[in-house]
Protein backbone atom coordinates (compact mmCIF):
# COMPACT_ATOMS: atom_id res chain seq x y z
CA MET A 1 -20.06 -17.46 11.35
CA VAL A 2 -18.43 -18.90 14.61
CA LYS A 3 -16.02 -20.76 13.10
CA SER A 4 -15.09 -17.58 10.63
CA LEU A 5 -14.14 -15.83 14.52
CA ASP A 6 -12.46 -18.54 15.75
CA ARG A 7 -10.66 -18.49 12.37
CA CYS A 8 -9.89 -15.23 13.10
CA ARG A 9 -9.07 -14.87 16.59
CA ARG A 10 -6.48 -18.04 16.07
CA CYS A 11 -4.49 -16.28 13.21
CA PHE A 12 -4.81 -12.80 16.14
CA GLU A 13 -3.01 -15.06 18.07
CA LEU A 14 -0.60 -16.26 16.15
CA ILE A 15 0.71 -13.08 14.66
CA GLY A 16 -0.98 -10.42 16.31
CA GLN A 17 1.55 -9.32 18.89
CA ASP A 18 4.35 -9.72 16.01
CA VAL A 19 3.07 -7.70 13.37
CA SER A 20 1.48 -5.12 15.21
CA HIS A 21 2.48 -2.13 17.75
CA ASP A 22 -1.86 -1.17 17.55
CA ILE A 23 -3.36 -4.44 18.02
CA GLY A 24 -6.82 -2.16 17.84
CA LYS A 25 -6.31 -1.59 13.96
CA LEU A 26 -5.92 -5.13 13.52
CA THR A 27 -9.50 -5.97 15.23
CA GLU A 28 -11.20 -2.36 13.78
CA GLU A 29 -12.99 -3.25 10.86
CA GLY A 30 -11.94 -2.33 7.06
CA THR A 31 -8.14 -1.04 7.93
CA PRO A 32 -5.91 -2.21 5.93
CA GLU A 33 -4.58 -4.32 8.76
CA ASN A 34 -7.84 -6.17 9.39
CA LEU A 35 -8.46 -6.34 5.91
CA ALA A 36 -5.00 -8.54 5.36
CA LEU A 37 -5.34 -10.58 9.12
CA THR A 38 -9.28 -11.23 8.03
CA TRP A 39 -7.31 -13.02 4.08
CA LEU A 40 -5.04 -14.27 5.84
CA ALA A 41 -7.52 -16.10 8.41
CA MET A 42 -10.44 -16.61 5.87
CA GLU A 43 -9.18 -16.46 2.58
CA ASP A 44 -5.77 -17.23 2.04
CA SER A 45 -5.68 -20.95 0.35
CA PHE A 46 -2.14 -21.34 0.24
CA LYS A 47 -1.22 -25.40 1.95
CA GLY A 48 -4.79 -25.24 2.51
CA GLU A 49 -4.64 -24.43 6.11
CA ALA A 50 -3.12 -21.31 7.09
CA MET A 51 -2.83 -21.65 10.25
CA SER A 52 -0.76 -24.67 10.33
CA LEU A 53 1.95 -22.61 8.58
CA PRO A 54 5.15 -21.99 10.35
CA LYS A 55 4.80 -18.36 12.04
CA GLN A 56 7.67 -16.67 9.52
CA VAL A 57 5.52 -17.60 6.73
CA LEU A 58 2.64 -15.83 8.19
CA ILE A 59 4.19 -12.88 8.61
CA GLU A 60 5.46 -12.90 5.50
CA ARG A 61 1.81 -13.29 3.95
CA TYR A 62 0.60 -11.02 6.25
CA VAL A 63 2.91 -8.25 5.52
CA LEU A 64 2.47 -8.37 1.66
CA ALA A 65 -1.07 -8.71 2.09
CA LEU A 66 -0.49 -5.55 4.33
CA PHE A 67 1.44 -3.71 1.63
CA TYR A 68 -1.74 -4.65 -0.77
CA PHE A 69 -4.53 -3.49 0.91
CA SER A 70 -2.23 -0.25 2.65
CA THR A 71 -1.74 0.54 -1.68
CA GLN A 72 -5.34 -0.13 -2.27
CA GLY A 73 -3.89 -3.05 -4.70
CA ALA A 74 -6.85 -3.52 -6.30
CA SER A 75 -6.73 -0.45 -8.25
CA TRP A 76 -3.56 -0.65 -8.88
CA SER A 77 -2.52 0.70 -12.51
CA THR A 78 -0.66 -2.58 -13.32
CA GLN A 79 -2.07 -5.63 -11.67
CA LEU A 80 0.60 -7.88 -10.01
CA PRO A 81 -0.52 -11.56 -8.40
CA PHE A 82 -0.16 -10.52 -4.93
CA LEU A 83 -2.94 -13.20 -2.46
CA GLU A 84 -2.77 -15.84 -4.68
CA SER A 85 -2.65 -19.56 -3.20
CA THR A 86 1.69 -19.82 -4.11
CA THR A 87 3.90 -18.80 -2.52
CA VAL A 88 5.12 -15.33 -1.98
CA CYS A 89 7.90 -15.96 -3.61
CA GLU A 90 5.87 -15.95 -6.92
CA TRP A 91 4.40 -12.44 -6.16
CA TYR A 92 6.30 -10.95 -8.75
CA SER A 93 5.54 -10.24 -12.40
CA GLU A 94 7.96 -10.95 -15.08
CA SER A 95 6.22 -8.99 -17.76
CA VAL A 96 6.47 -5.59 -15.74
CA GLY A 97 9.35 -6.69 -13.14
CA ARG A 98 7.23 -6.01 -10.19
CA GLY A 99 6.04 -7.69 -7.06
CA ALA A 100 7.76 -10.11 -3.95
CA LEU A 101 11.36 -12.29 -5.05
CA CYS A 102 13.49 -14.78 -3.15
CA ASP A 103 16.59 -15.27 -3.15
CA ALA A 104 19.19 -17.30 -0.88
CA GLU A 105 18.87 -14.40 1.78
CA GLY A 106 15.33 -14.31 2.08
CA LEU A 107 12.21 -12.20 0.45
CA PHE A 108 12.18 -9.22 -0.65
CA VAL A 109 10.52 -6.49 -2.95
CA THR A 110 11.75 -4.84 -6.35
CA ASP A 111 12.60 -1.81 -6.01
CA LEU A 112 9.79 -0.53 -8.84
CA LEU A 113 7.18 -2.11 -6.30
CA LEU A 114 9.20 0.25 -3.43
CA SER A 115 8.60 3.05 -5.46
CA LYS A 116 5.35 2.53 -5.72
CA LEU A 117 4.96 2.15 -1.78
CA LEU A 118 6.93 5.26 -1.57
CA SER A 119 4.88 7.35 -3.25
CA SER A 120 1.32 6.62 -2.06
CA LEU A 121 3.31 6.68 1.31
CA LYS A 122 4.15 10.67 0.19
CA SER A 123 0.64 11.18 -1.30
CA LYS A 124 -1.23 10.51 2.44
């Protein structure tokens, strides 16, 4: 348990100030912010040790995990390959044309995924 807390604390120290204005949400158990941070620190198996990744990669993975948890990704009617141990550029489903992609400019999400986000925000 102590090792788990150390990993979460280290992840929090690395990106906490960059990803949240409300640090309390990162530490409050069960919030989407906390679930995303905990996933990144404890469950993300991309390239082995998440804490050794460049900060920008950690932030991208956190933000998309936050999107997933904030919109109840486990309940999406069409499951997308989010939270996979691949680059976030591969969190895209060709068959449905949704997810996260990357191009020369960097990371972006598809319009259909953004419309899901907007509709979920309107319902809150």
